[in-house]
Amino acid sequence: MINTVLFDMDGLLLDTEPLWGESMLRVAKKHKIPITRERFKETTGLRIYEVTDHWAVHYPWEGKTSKQVADEILDDIIASSKSDGRVLDGVMKTLQLLRKYHYKIGLASSSPGHMIDALVDHFGIRKYFDCITSADAVELGKPHPAVFIHCANELGSRPAQCLVFEDSVNGMIAGKAARMKVIVVPDELHFDDPRFSLADGKLKSLEDFELSMI
């Protein structure tokens, strides 16, 4: 019986996903790193410090270290998320519904911990989560299942008791690899990606979520 619901953050709770690309391009341009949107495909699914490590190997630059560049990108994305981001449709309704019926609620994101903390506080959603876990706490990020397993362990839940909400293919794979039920909420551009057939359910928006889906 499912008693625990785990959420991704970027692109699922907050519409911050498109802002990542803008921040990476801005900072790369500032440091004359030859990164293009096309080259983002090389680092899909990697955490930001892994992304800039990849850039340092394949597109070396002079000046700041890869960690310093990653920190700069994080500062930029946090600032732009606060100014241009929003809580996505259906999020508040879903969180309130789950809280009303006493589900344990966790946030399990590949974003760094200080970014998660800054944004859940800014958008006023921290109070809904019993556990907030960053991929910083585990060795490997999504599509590895570690962040979901870690969050479930922190909540005292077994994988079979967990439902995961995700918006990405890598996140879906991570949830399924953790042996959890997964409902995906892809963006409009990727909604018909056939890989989402692996999910246990698919929604256009969290506005469409009902408790009967659990």
N, C-alpha and C. Protein backbone atom coordinates (compact mmCIF):
# COMPACT_ATOMS: atom_id res chain seq x y z
N MET A 1 0.84 -1.20 0.00
CA MET A 1 0.00 0.00 0.00
C MET A 1 0.88 1.25 0.00
N ILE A 2 0.59 2.16 -0.89
CA ILE A 2 1.41 3.38 -1.00
C ILE A 2 1.01 4.38 0.08
N ASN A 3 2.02 4.82 0.83
CA ASN A 3 1.77 5.82 1.87
C ASN A 3 2.74 7.00 1.77
N THR A 4 3.57 7.00 0.72
CA THR A 4 4.64 7.99 0.57
C THR A 4 4.67 8.49 -0.87
N VAL A 5 4.76 9.80 -1.06
CA VAL A 5 4.82 10.39 -2.39
C VAL A 5 6.06 11.26 -2.49
N LEU A 6 6.88 10.99 -3.51
CA LEU A 6 8.14 11.70 -3.72
C LEU A 6 8.06 12.55 -4.99
N PHE A 7 8.53 13.76 -4.90
CA PHE A 7 8.47 14.71 -6.01
C PHE A 7 9.86 15.12 -6.47
N ASP A 8 10.03 15.25 -7.78
CA ASP A 8 11.15 15.99 -8.34
C ASP A 8 10.83 17.48 -8.16
N MET A 9 11.77 18.36 -8.45
CA MET A 9 11.50 19.80 -8.31
C MET A 9 11.44 20.53 -9.64
N ASP A 10 12.59 20.63 -10.33
CA ASP A 10 12.66 21.41 -11.57
C ASP A 10 11.77 20.82 -12.65
N GLY A 11 10.86 21.62 -13.16
CA GLY A 11 10.00 21.17 -14.25
C GLY A 11 8.76 20.43 -13.78
N LEU A 12 8.70 20.10 -12.50
CA LEU A 12 7.54 19.40 -11.96
C LEU A 12 6.80 20.27 -10.94
N LEU A 13 7.52 20.75 -9.93
CA LEU A 13 6.93 21.66 -8.96
C LEU A 13 7.07 23.11 -9.42
N LEU A 14 8.22 23.43 -9.99
CA LEU A 14 8.54 24.79 -10.41
C LEU A 14 8.90 24.81 -11.88
N ASP A 15 8.54 25.87 -12.58
CA ASP A 15 8.85 25.95 -14.02
C ASP A 15 10.25 26.51 -14.24
N THR A 16 11.22 25.92 -13.57
CA THR A 16 12.60 26.39 -13.63
C THR A 16 13.43 25.68 -14.70
N GLU A 17 12.91 24.60 -15.26
CA GLU A 17 13.69 23.81 -16.21
C GLU A 17 14.24 24.63 -17.38
N PRO A 18 13.43 25.46 -18.07
CA PRO A 18 13.98 26.23 -19.20
C PRO A 18 15.03 27.25 -18.76
N LEU A 19 14.98 27.68 -17.51
CA LEU A 19 15.91 28.71 -17.04
C LEU A 19 17.32 28.18 -16.89
N TRP A 20 17.47 26.86 -16.68
CA TRP A 20 18.81 26.27 -16.57
C TRP A 20 19.63 26.55 -17.81
N GLY A 21 19.03 26.32 -18.98
CA GLY A 21 19.76 26.54 -20.23
C GLY A 21 20.20 27.97 -20.40
N GLU A 22 19.30 28.90 -20.05
CA GLU A 22 19.64 30.32 -20.17
C GLU A 22 20.80 30.68 -19.25
N SER A 23 20.77 30.16 -18.03
CA SER A 23 21.85 30.46 -17.08
C SER A 23 23.17 29.88 -17.55
N MET A 24 23.15 28.64 -18.02
CA MET A 24 24.38 28.00 -18.49
C MET A 24 24.97 28.75 -19.67
N LEU A 25 24.12 29.18 -20.59
CA LEU A 25 24.62 29.92 -21.76
C LEU A 25 25.19 31.28 -21.36
N ARG A 26 24.53 31.96 -20.44
CA ARG A 26 25.01 33.27 -19.99
C ARG A 26 26.40 33.17 -19.36
N VAL A 27 26.54 32.21 -18.45
CA VAL A 27 27.81 32.08 -17.74
C VAL A 27 28.91 31.56 -18.67
N ALA A 28 28.55 30.61 -19.55
CA ALA A 28 29.54 30.10 -20.51
C ALA A 28 30.05 31.21 -21.42
N LYS A 29 29.13 32.04 -21.88
CA LYS A 29 29.53 33.16 -22.74
C LYS A 29 30.46 34.12 -22.00
N LYS A 30 30.16 34.39 -20.75
CA LYS A 30 30.98 35.29 -19.94
C LYS A 30 32.41 34.81 -19.84
N HIS A 31 32.59 33.48 -19.76
CA HIS A 31 33.93 32.91 -19.60
C HIS A 31 34.50 32.36 -20.91
N LYS A 32 33.82 32.70 -22.01
CA LYS A 32 34.27 32.30 -23.35
C LYS A 32 34.39 30.77 -23.48
N ILE A 33 33.43 30.07 -22.89
CA ILE A 33 33.35 28.60 -23.03
C ILE A 33 32.42 28.33 -24.21
N PRO A 34 32.88 27.60 -25.24
CA PRO A 34 32.10 27.45 -26.48
C PRO A 34 30.94 26.45 -26.36
N ILE A 35 29.98 26.79 -25.50
CA ILE A 35 28.83 25.91 -25.28
C ILE A 35 27.63 26.43 -26.08
N THR A 36 26.92 25.51 -26.72
CA THR A 36 25.70 25.83 -27.46
C THR A 36 24.57 24.95 -26.93
N ARG A 37 23.34 25.29 -27.30
CA ARG A 37 22.20 24.46 -26.89
C ARG A 37 22.36 23.03 -27.41
N GLU A 38 22.92 22.90 -28.59
CA GLU A 38 23.11 21.57 -29.17
C GLU A 38 24.04 20.73 -28.28
N ARG A 39 25.02 21.37 -27.68
CA ARG A 39 25.98 20.64 -26.85
C ARG A 39 25.42 20.27 -25.48
N PHE A 40 24.26 20.82 -25.12
CA PHE A 40 23.62 20.42 -23.87
C PHE A 40 23.31 18.92 -23.87
N LYS A 41 23.09 18.36 -25.06
CA LYS A 41 22.76 16.93 -25.16
C LYS A 41 23.86 16.05 -24.59
N GLU A 42 25.09 16.54 -24.63
CA GLU A 42 26.23 15.76 -24.14
C GLU A 42 26.17 15.55 -22.62
N THR A 43 25.43 16.41 -21.93
CA THR A 43 25.43 16.36 -20.47
C THR A 43 24.03 16.17 -19.88
N THR A 44 23.10 15.71 -20.70
CA THR A 44 21.74 15.48 -20.22
C THR A 44 21.76 14.51 -19.03
N GLY A 45 21.12 14.93 -17.96
CA GLY A 45 21.02 14.06 -16.78
C GLY A 45 22.14 14.23 -15.77
N LEU A 46 23.21 14.93 -16.15
CA LEU A 46 24.31 15.13 -15.21
C LEU A 46 24.00 16.28 -14.24
N ARG A 47 24.56 16.19 -13.06
CA ARG A 47 24.44 17.29 -12.12
C ARG A 47 25.35 18.43 -12.55
N ILE A 48 25.07 19.65 -12.08
CA ILE A 48 25.74 20.83 -12.62
C ILE A 48 27.26 20.77 -12.47
N TYR A 49 27.75 20.20 -11.36
CA TYR A 49 29.21 20.12 -11.20
C TYR A 49 29.81 19.09 -12.16
N GLU A 50 29.02 18.08 -12.50
CA GLU A 50 29.45 17.10 -13.51
C GLU A 50 29.43 17.74 -14.90
N VAL A 51 28.46 18.61 -15.12
CA VAL A 51 28.36 19.31 -16.41
C VAL A 51 29.60 20.17 -16.64
N THR A 52 29.95 20.98 -15.67
CA THR A 52 31.10 21.87 -15.88
C THR A 52 32.43 21.10 -15.89
N ASP A 53 32.49 19.97 -15.19
CA ASP A 53 33.67 19.10 -15.31
C ASP A 53 33.81 18.58 -16.75
N HIS A 54 32.67 18.21 -17.34
CA HIS A 54 32.66 17.76 -18.74
C HIS A 54 33.14 18.89 -19.66
N TRP A 55 32.63 20.10 -19.44
CA TRP A 55 33.07 21.23 -20.25
C TRP A 55 34.58 21.43 -20.13
N ALA A 56 35.10 21.30 -18.92
CA ALA A 56 36.53 21.55 -18.69
C ALA A 56 37.40 20.58 -19.47
N VAL A 57 36.91 19.35 -19.66
CA VAL A 57 37.66 18.34 -20.41
C VAL A 57 37.55 18.59 -21.91
N HIS A 58 36.32 18.85 -22.38
CA HIS A 58 36.08 18.92 -23.82
C HIS A 58 36.17 20.33 -24.41
N TYR A 59 35.95 21.36 -23.58
CA TYR A 59 35.97 22.74 -24.06
C TYR A 59 36.75 23.61 -23.06
N PRO A 60 38.03 23.30 -22.84
CA PRO A 60 38.79 23.99 -21.79
C PRO A 60 38.84 25.50 -21.99
N TRP A 61 38.89 26.22 -20.88
CA TRP A 61 38.96 27.67 -20.89
C TRP A 61 39.98 28.11 -19.85
N GLU A 62 40.29 29.38 -19.88
CA GLU A 62 41.23 29.93 -18.91
C GLU A 62 40.48 30.71 -17.85
N GLY A 63 41.04 30.73 -16.65
CA GLY A 63 40.42 31.53 -15.60
C GLY A 63 39.82 30.66 -14.51
N LYS A 64 38.54 30.81 -14.26
CA LYS A 64 37.88 30.14 -13.14
C LYS A 64 37.84 28.62 -13.32
N THR A 65 37.83 27.92 -12.20
CA THR A 65 37.74 26.46 -12.22
C THR A 65 36.34 26.02 -12.60
N SER A 66 36.21 24.73 -12.92
CA SER A 66 34.89 24.20 -13.28
C SER A 66 33.92 24.34 -12.11
N LYS A 67 34.42 24.18 -10.88
CA LYS A 67 33.54 24.34 -9.71
C LYS A 67 33.08 25.78 -9.56
N GLN A 68 33.98 26.72 -9.78
CA GLN A 68 33.61 28.13 -9.69
C GLN A 68 32.58 28.51 -10.75
N VAL A 69 32.73 27.94 -11.94
CA VAL A 69 31.75 28.19 -13.01
C VAL A 69 30.39 27.59 -12.63
N ALA A 70 30.41 26.38 -12.07
CA ALA A 70 29.16 25.76 -11.64
C ALA A 70 28.49 26.58 -10.55
N ASP A 71 29.27 27.08 -9.60
CA ASP A 71 28.71 27.92 -8.53
C ASP A 71 28.08 29.18 -9.10
N GLU A 72 28.73 29.74 -10.12
CA GLU A 72 28.21 30.95 -10.76
C GLU A 72 26.89 30.66 -11.47
N ILE A 73 26.83 29.50 -12.14
CA ILE A 73 25.58 29.11 -12.80
C ILE A 73 24.46 28.95 -11.77
N LEU A 74 24.79 28.34 -10.63
CA LEU A 74 23.78 28.15 -9.58
C LEU A 74 23.28 29.49 -9.04
N ASP A 75 24.18 30.43 -8.82
CA ASP A 75 23.76 31.75 -8.36
C ASP A 75 22.82 32.40 -9.38
N ASP A 76 23.15 32.22 -10.64
CA ASP A 76 22.34 32.81 -11.72
C ASP A 76 20.97 32.16 -11.80
N ILE A 77 20.92 30.81 -11.73
CA ILE A 77 19.64 30.11 -11.85
C ILE A 77 18.75 30.38 -10.65
N ILE A 78 19.34 30.51 -9.47
CA ILE A 78 18.54 30.83 -8.29
C ILE A 78 17.92 32.22 -8.45
N ALA A 79 18.72 33.18 -8.89
CA ALA A 79 18.22 34.55 -9.06
C ALA A 79 17.13 34.61 -10.14
N SER A 80 17.37 33.94 -11.27
CA SER A 80 16.38 33.99 -12.35
C SER A 80 15.12 33.21 -12.00
N SER A 81 15.26 32.14 -11.22
CA SER A 81 14.08 31.38 -10.79
C SER A 81 13.21 32.21 -9.87
N LYS A 82 13.85 32.96 -8.98
CA LYS A 82 13.08 33.80 -8.07
C LYS A 82 12.35 34.91 -8.81
N SER A 83 12.98 35.44 -9.86
CA SER A 83 12.37 36.57 -10.58
C SER A 83 11.41 36.12 -11.67
N ASP A 84 11.71 35.00 -12.33
CA ASP A 84 10.93 34.60 -13.50
C ASP A 84 10.18 33.28 -13.34
N GLY A 85 10.47 32.51 -12.27
CA GLY A 85 9.84 31.21 -12.10
C GLY A 85 8.50 31.30 -11.40
N ARG A 86 7.79 30.17 -11.35
CA ARG A 86 6.51 30.11 -10.65
C ARG A 86 6.24 28.67 -10.25
N VAL A 87 5.33 28.49 -9.33
CA VAL A 87 4.86 27.16 -8.97
C VAL A 87 3.92 26.69 -10.08
N LEU A 88 4.12 25.48 -10.58
CA LEU A 88 3.34 25.00 -11.71
C LEU A 88 1.90 24.65 -11.32
N ASP A 89 1.05 24.61 -12.33
CA ASP A 89 -0.38 24.37 -12.12
C ASP A 89 -0.61 23.03 -11.41
N GLY A 90 -1.48 23.06 -10.42
CA GLY A 90 -1.88 21.84 -9.73
C GLY A 90 -0.98 21.43 -8.59
N VAL A 91 0.17 22.08 -8.46
CA VAL A 91 1.13 21.68 -7.42
C VAL A 91 0.55 21.90 -6.02
N MET A 92 0.05 23.10 -5.77
CA MET A 92 -0.47 23.40 -4.44
C MET A 92 -1.66 22.51 -4.11
N LYS A 93 -2.53 22.32 -5.07
CA LYS A 93 -3.71 21.47 -4.86
C LYS A 93 -3.28 20.05 -4.51
N THR A 94 -2.30 19.52 -5.23
CA THR A 94 -1.83 18.16 -5.00
C THR A 94 -1.17 18.02 -3.64
N LEU A 95 -0.30 18.95 -3.30
CA LEU A 95 0.39 18.90 -2.00
C LEU A 95 -0.62 19.00 -0.85
N GLN A 96 -1.58 19.88 -0.99
CA GLN A 96 -2.59 20.05 0.06
C GLN A 96 -3.45 18.80 0.21
N LEU A 97 -3.79 18.16 -0.93
CA LEU A 97 -4.59 16.94 -0.90
C LEU A 97 -3.83 15.81 -0.20
N LEU A 98 -2.57 15.64 -0.55
CA LEU A 98 -1.76 14.59 0.06
C LEU A 98 -1.57 14.84 1.55
N ARG A 99 -1.37 16.09 1.92
CA ARG A 99 -1.23 16.42 3.34
C ARG A 99 -2.53 16.14 4.09
N LYS A 100 -3.65 16.47 3.49
CA LYS A 100 -4.95 16.25 4.13
C LYS A 100 -5.16 14.78 4.47
N TYR A 101 -4.69 13.90 3.58
CA TYR A 101 -4.90 12.47 3.78
C TYR A 101 -3.67 11.77 4.38
N HIS A 102 -2.78 12.57 4.93
CA HIS A 102 -1.68 12.08 5.78
C HIS A 102 -0.66 11.20 5.05
N TYR A 103 -0.42 11.47 3.78
CA TYR A 103 0.68 10.81 3.08
C TYR A 103 1.99 11.45 3.52
N LYS A 104 3.03 10.64 3.61
CA LYS A 104 4.37 11.18 3.80
C LYS A 104 4.82 11.77 2.46
N ILE A 105 5.40 12.96 2.51
CA ILE A 105 5.75 13.67 1.27
C ILE A 105 7.23 14.01 1.28
N GLY A 106 7.92 13.63 0.20
CA GLY A 106 9.34 13.92 0.08
C GLY A 106 9.67 14.65 -1.21
N LEU A 107 10.74 15.42 -1.18
CA LEU A 107 11.27 16.05 -2.39
C LEU A 107 12.63 15.42 -2.64
N ALA A 108 12.83 14.89 -3.85
CA ALA A 108 14.09 14.21 -4.20
C ALA A 108 14.56 14.76 -5.54
N SER A 109 15.48 15.69 -5.48
CA SER A 109 15.90 16.44 -6.67
C SER A 109 17.38 16.26 -6.96
N SER A 110 17.73 16.36 -8.24
CA SER A 110 19.14 16.33 -8.64
C SER A 110 19.80 17.70 -8.48
N SER A 111 19.01 18.71 -8.16
CA SER A 111 19.59 20.04 -7.96
C SER A 111 20.38 20.09 -6.66
N PRO A 112 21.40 20.94 -6.58
CA PRO A 112 22.17 21.07 -5.33
C PRO A 112 21.30 21.53 -4.17
N GLY A 113 21.69 21.13 -2.98
CA GLY A 113 20.89 21.40 -1.80
C GLY A 113 20.62 22.86 -1.55
N HIS A 114 21.63 23.73 -1.75
CA HIS A 114 21.39 25.14 -1.43
C HIS A 114 20.44 25.79 -2.42
N MET A 115 20.37 25.27 -3.65
CA MET A 115 19.38 25.77 -4.61
C MET A 115 17.97 25.33 -4.20
N ILE A 116 17.84 24.06 -3.83
CA ILE A 116 16.54 23.55 -3.38
C ILE A 116 16.05 24.37 -2.20
N ASP A 117 16.92 24.56 -1.21
CA ASP A 117 16.54 25.30 -0.01
C ASP A 117 16.09 26.72 -0.36
N ALA A 118 16.84 27.38 -1.22
CA ALA A 118 16.50 28.76 -1.59
C ALA A 118 15.14 28.84 -2.26
N LEU A 119 14.84 27.87 -3.13
CA LEU A 119 13.61 27.97 -3.92
C LEU A 119 12.37 27.48 -3.17
N VAL A 120 12.50 26.42 -2.38
CA VAL A 120 11.31 25.97 -1.64
C VAL A 120 10.92 27.03 -0.60
N ASP A 121 11.90 27.74 -0.07
CA ASP A 121 11.58 28.83 0.85
C ASP A 121 10.97 30.01 0.10
N HIS A 122 11.56 30.38 -1.02
CA HIS A 122 11.07 31.52 -1.79
C HIS A 122 9.62 31.32 -2.23
N PHE A 123 9.30 30.10 -2.68
CA PHE A 123 7.95 29.84 -3.19
C PHE A 123 6.99 29.31 -2.12
N GLY A 124 7.46 29.23 -0.89
CA GLY A 124 6.57 28.91 0.23
C GLY A 124 6.03 27.50 0.26
N ILE A 125 6.82 26.53 -0.20
CA ILE A 125 6.31 25.15 -0.24
C ILE A 125 7.06 24.20 0.71
N ARG A 126 8.02 24.69 1.45
CA ARG A 126 8.78 23.82 2.34
C ARG A 126 7.88 23.09 3.34
N LYS A 127 6.86 23.76 3.82
CA LYS A 127 6.03 23.20 4.89
C LYS A 127 5.32 21.90 4.50
N TYR A 128 5.22 21.63 3.19
CA TYR A 128 4.52 20.44 2.75
C TYR A 128 5.39 19.18 2.78
N PHE A 129 6.71 19.35 2.92
CA PHE A 129 7.61 18.21 2.78
C PHE A 129 8.13 17.71 4.12
N ASP A 130 8.02 16.41 4.30
CA ASP A 130 8.55 15.77 5.50
C ASP A 130 10.05 15.50 5.35
N CYS A 131 10.52 15.46 4.12
CA CYS A 131 11.94 15.23 3.85
C CYS A 131 12.30 15.92 2.54
N ILE A 132 13.42 16.62 2.53
CA ILE A 132 13.94 17.24 1.30
C ILE A 132 15.34 16.69 1.07
N THR A 133 15.52 16.01 -0.06
CA THR A 133 16.78 15.33 -0.35
C THR A 133 17.36 15.83 -1.67
N SER A 134 18.62 16.17 -1.65
CA SER A 134 19.34 16.55 -2.86
C SER A 134 20.24 15.40 -3.30
N ALA A 135 20.52 15.36 -4.58
CA ALA A 135 21.47 14.37 -5.08
C ALA A 135 22.87 14.61 -4.50
N ASP A 136 23.08 15.77 -3.85
CA ASP A 136 24.34 16.00 -3.13
C ASP A 136 24.58 14.93 -2.08
N ALA A 137 23.48 14.36 -1.57
CA ALA A 137 23.57 13.42 -0.45
C ALA A 137 23.94 12.00 -0.90
N VAL A 138 23.96 11.77 -2.21
CA VAL A 138 24.26 10.43 -2.73
C VAL A 138 25.37 10.51 -3.76
N GLU A 139 25.96 9.38 -4.06
CA GLU A 139 27.11 9.37 -4.96
C GLU A 139 26.72 9.64 -6.40
N LEU A 140 25.58 9.12 -6.83
CA LEU A 140 25.18 9.22 -8.23
C LEU A 140 23.82 9.88 -8.38
N GLY A 141 23.69 10.73 -9.40
CA GLY A 141 22.42 11.38 -9.68
C GLY A 141 21.54 10.55 -10.60
N LYS A 142 20.34 11.06 -10.89
CA LYS A 142 19.43 10.39 -11.81
C LYS A 142 20.10 10.27 -13.19
N PRO A 143 19.89 9.17 -13.88
CA PRO A 143 18.88 8.12 -13.73
C PRO A 143 19.18 7.04 -12.70
N HIS A 144 20.28 7.17 -11.95
CA HIS A 144 20.51 6.24 -10.85
C HIS A 144 19.42 6.48 -9.79
N PRO A 145 18.92 5.42 -9.15
CA PRO A 145 17.80 5.57 -8.21
C PRO A 145 18.18 6.06 -6.81
N ALA A 146 19.46 6.32 -6.57
CA ALA A 146 19.92 6.57 -5.20
C ALA A 146 19.17 7.68 -4.48
N VAL A 147 18.87 8.78 -5.17
CA VAL A 147 18.24 9.91 -4.48
C VAL A 147 16.83 9.55 -4.01
N PHE A 148 16.11 8.74 -4.79
CA PHE A 148 14.78 8.31 -4.36
C PHE A 148 14.86 7.31 -3.21
N ILE A 149 15.79 6.40 -3.30
CA ILE A 149 15.95 5.40 -2.23
C ILE A 149 16.36 6.09 -0.93
N HIS A 150 17.27 7.05 -1.04
CA HIS A 150 17.72 7.79 0.15
C HIS A 150 16.55 8.54 0.79
N CYS A 151 15.75 9.20 -0.01
CA CYS A 151 14.61 9.97 0.50
C CYS A 151 13.60 9.03 1.17
N ALA A 152 13.31 7.90 0.54
CA ALA A 152 12.38 6.93 1.12
C ALA A 152 12.91 6.42 2.46
N ASN A 153 14.20 6.13 2.52
CA ASN A 153 14.80 5.66 3.77
C ASN A 153 14.67 6.70 4.88
N GLU A 154 14.88 7.96 4.52
CA GLU A 154 14.75 9.04 5.50
C GLU A 154 13.32 9.13 6.05
N LEU A 155 12.35 8.74 5.21
CA LEU A 155 10.94 8.78 5.62
C LEU A 155 10.48 7.48 6.26
N GLY A 156 11.37 6.50 6.32
CA GLY A 156 11.00 5.21 6.90
C GLY A 156 10.07 4.41 6.02
N SER A 157 10.17 4.59 4.71
CA SER A 157 9.28 3.92 3.76
C SER A 157 10.05 2.93 2.89
N ARG A 158 9.41 1.84 2.54
CA ARG A 158 9.98 0.88 1.61
C ARG A 158 9.62 1.31 0.18
N PRO A 159 10.42 0.90 -0.82
CA PRO A 159 10.13 1.29 -2.20
C PRO A 159 8.71 0.97 -2.65
N ALA A 160 8.17 -0.18 -2.26
CA ALA A 160 6.83 -0.57 -2.69
C ALA A 160 5.75 0.33 -2.10
N GLN A 161 6.12 1.14 -1.12
CA GLN A 161 5.16 2.05 -0.50
C GLN A 161 5.22 3.45 -1.12
N CYS A 162 6.05 3.62 -2.15
CA CYS A 162 6.32 4.96 -2.69
C CYS A 162 5.76 5.17 -4.10
N LEU A 163 5.21 6.36 -4.30
CA LEU A 163 4.84 6.87 -5.62
C LEU A 163 5.76 8.04 -5.93
N VAL A 164 6.32 8.05 -7.13
CA VAL A 164 7.19 9.14 -7.58
C VAL A 164 6.48 9.95 -8.66
N PHE A 165 6.55 11.27 -8.55
CA PHE A 165 6.13 12.17 -9.62
C PHE A 165 7.38 12.73 -10.28
N GLU A 166 7.47 12.61 -11.60
CA GLU A 166 8.62 13.08 -12.36
C GLU A 166 8.17 13.73 -13.66
N ASP A 167 9.02 14.58 -14.21
CA ASP A 167 8.72 15.19 -15.51
C ASP A 167 9.68 14.74 -16.59
N SER A 168 10.77 14.07 -16.23
CA SER A 168 11.80 13.72 -17.21
C SER A 168 11.95 12.22 -17.38
N VAL A 169 12.53 11.83 -18.50
CA VAL A 169 12.79 10.41 -18.76
C VAL A 169 13.79 9.87 -17.74
N ASN A 170 14.87 10.62 -17.50
CA ASN A 170 15.86 10.16 -16.53
C ASN A 170 15.27 10.00 -15.14
N GLY A 171 14.41 10.91 -14.74
CA GLY A 171 13.76 10.82 -13.45
C GLY A 171 12.83 9.62 -13.37
N MET A 172 12.10 9.37 -14.46
CA MET A 172 11.23 8.20 -14.52
C MET A 172 12.04 6.91 -14.39
N ILE A 173 13.15 6.84 -15.10
CA ILE A 173 14.02 5.65 -15.02
C ILE A 173 14.53 5.46 -13.60
N ALA A 174 14.90 6.56 -12.95
CA ALA A 174 15.38 6.48 -11.57
C ALA A 174 14.31 5.94 -10.64
N GLY A 175 13.08 6.43 -10.79
CA GLY A 175 11.99 5.96 -9.96
C GLY A 175 11.67 4.49 -10.18
N LYS A 176 11.66 4.08 -11.44
CA LYS A 176 11.38 2.66 -11.74
C LYS A 176 12.52 1.78 -11.25
N ALA A 177 13.75 2.25 -11.39
CA ALA A 177 14.90 1.48 -10.91
C ALA A 177 14.88 1.33 -9.40
N ALA A 178 14.25 2.29 -8.72
CA ALA A 178 14.10 2.20 -7.27
C ALA A 178 12.95 1.27 -6.88
N ARG A 179 12.27 0.72 -7.87
CA ARG A 179 11.13 -0.19 -7.68
C ARG A 179 9.92 0.54 -7.07
N MET A 180 9.75 1.78 -7.52
CA MET A 180 8.63 2.60 -7.07
C MET A 180 7.64 2.82 -8.21
N LYS A 181 6.41 3.10 -7.87
CA LYS A 181 5.42 3.49 -8.86
C LYS A 181 5.74 4.90 -9.35
N VAL A 182 5.61 5.14 -10.65
CA VAL A 182 5.98 6.45 -11.21
C VAL A 182 4.85 7.00 -12.07
N ILE A 183 4.46 8.23 -11.79
CA ILE A 183 3.57 8.99 -12.66
C ILE A 183 4.36 10.15 -13.24
N VAL A 184 4.34 10.28 -14.56
CA VAL A 184 5.10 11.35 -15.21
C VAL A 184 4.17 12.50 -15.60
N VAL A 185 4.75 13.70 -15.54
CA VAL A 185 4.03 14.92 -15.93
C VAL A 185 4.96 15.68 -16.89
N PRO A 186 5.12 15.19 -18.12
CA PRO A 186 6.09 15.79 -19.04
C PRO A 186 5.62 17.16 -19.52
N ASP A 187 6.57 17.98 -19.98
CA ASP A 187 6.17 19.23 -20.60
C ASP A 187 5.56 18.95 -21.97
N GLU A 188 4.91 19.95 -22.53
CA GLU A 188 4.16 19.76 -23.78
C GLU A 188 5.05 19.27 -24.91
N LEU A 189 6.29 19.77 -24.97
CA LEU A 189 7.20 19.42 -26.05
C LEU A 189 7.55 17.93 -26.05
N HIS A 190 7.65 17.33 -24.84
CA HIS A 190 8.09 15.94 -24.72
C HIS A 190 6.96 14.98 -24.32
N PHE A 191 5.74 15.48 -24.31
CA PHE A 191 4.63 14.69 -23.77
C PHE A 191 4.46 13.35 -24.50
N ASP A 192 4.69 13.33 -25.80
CA ASP A 192 4.46 12.12 -26.59
C ASP A 192 5.72 11.26 -26.76
N ASP A 193 6.77 11.55 -26.01
CA ASP A 193 7.98 10.73 -26.07
C ASP A 193 7.61 9.28 -25.73
N PRO A 194 7.85 8.36 -26.65
CA PRO A 194 7.43 6.96 -26.41
C PRO A 194 8.09 6.31 -25.19
N ARG A 195 9.21 6.85 -24.74
CA ARG A 195 9.89 6.27 -23.58
C ARG A 195 9.04 6.38 -22.31
N PHE A 196 8.12 7.36 -22.28
CA PHE A 196 7.26 7.51 -21.11
C PHE A 196 6.27 6.37 -20.95
N SER A 197 6.24 5.46 -21.92
CA SER A 197 5.36 4.29 -21.80
C SER A 197 5.79 3.40 -20.62
N LEU A 198 7.01 3.57 -20.14
CA LEU A 198 7.49 2.80 -18.99
C LEU A 198 6.83 3.25 -17.68
N ALA A 199 6.25 4.44 -17.67
CA ALA A 199 5.65 4.97 -16.45
C ALA A 199 4.33 4.26 -16.16
N ASP A 200 3.91 4.36 -14.91
CA ASP A 200 2.64 3.77 -14.48
C ASP A 200 1.46 4.68 -14.80
N GLY A 201 1.74 5.93 -15.11
CA GLY A 201 0.69 6.87 -15.46
C GLY A 201 1.31 8.13 -16.03
N LYS A 202 0.51 8.91 -16.77
CA LYS A 202 1.01 10.14 -17.37
C LYS A 202 -0.08 11.20 -17.31
N LEU A 203 0.30 12.39 -16.86
CA LEU A 203 -0.63 13.50 -16.74
C LEU A 203 -0.12 14.70 -17.52
N LYS A 204 -1.04 15.52 -18.02
CA LYS A 204 -0.65 16.76 -18.67
C LYS A 204 -0.29 17.83 -17.64
N SER A 205 -0.86 17.70 -16.45
CA SER A 205 -0.63 18.67 -15.39
C SER A 205 -1.01 18.02 -14.07
N LEU A 206 -0.41 18.48 -12.99
CA LEU A 206 -0.82 17.99 -11.67
C LEU A 206 -2.25 18.41 -11.33
N GLU A 207 -2.81 19.33 -12.12
CA GLU A 207 -4.23 19.66 -11.96
C GLU A 207 -5.09 18.43 -12.18
N ASP A 208 -4.60 17.48 -12.97
CA ASP A 208 -5.37 16.28 -13.32
C ASP A 208 -5.22 15.15 -12.30
N PHE A 209 -4.38 15.35 -11.29
CA PHE A 209 -4.14 14.28 -10.32
C PHE A 209 -5.34 14.07 -9.40
N GLU A 210 -5.65 12.80 -9.16
CA GLU A 210 -6.67 12.41 -8.20
C GLU A 210 -6.12 11.31 -7.30
N LEU A 211 -6.59 11.24 -6.07
CA LEU A 211 -6.09 10.25 -5.13
C LEU A 211 -6.29 8.81 -5.62
N SER A 212 -7.31 8.60 -6.44
CA SER A 212 -7.57 7.26 -6.97
C SER A 212 -6.43 6.74 -7.83
N MET A 213 -5.57 7.62 -8.31
CA MET A 213 -4.42 7.22 -9.14
C MET A 213 -3.33 6.55 -8.32
N ILE A 214 -3.36 6.75 -7.02
CA ILE A 214 -2.37 6.14 -6.14
C ILE A 214 -2.69 4.66 -5.95
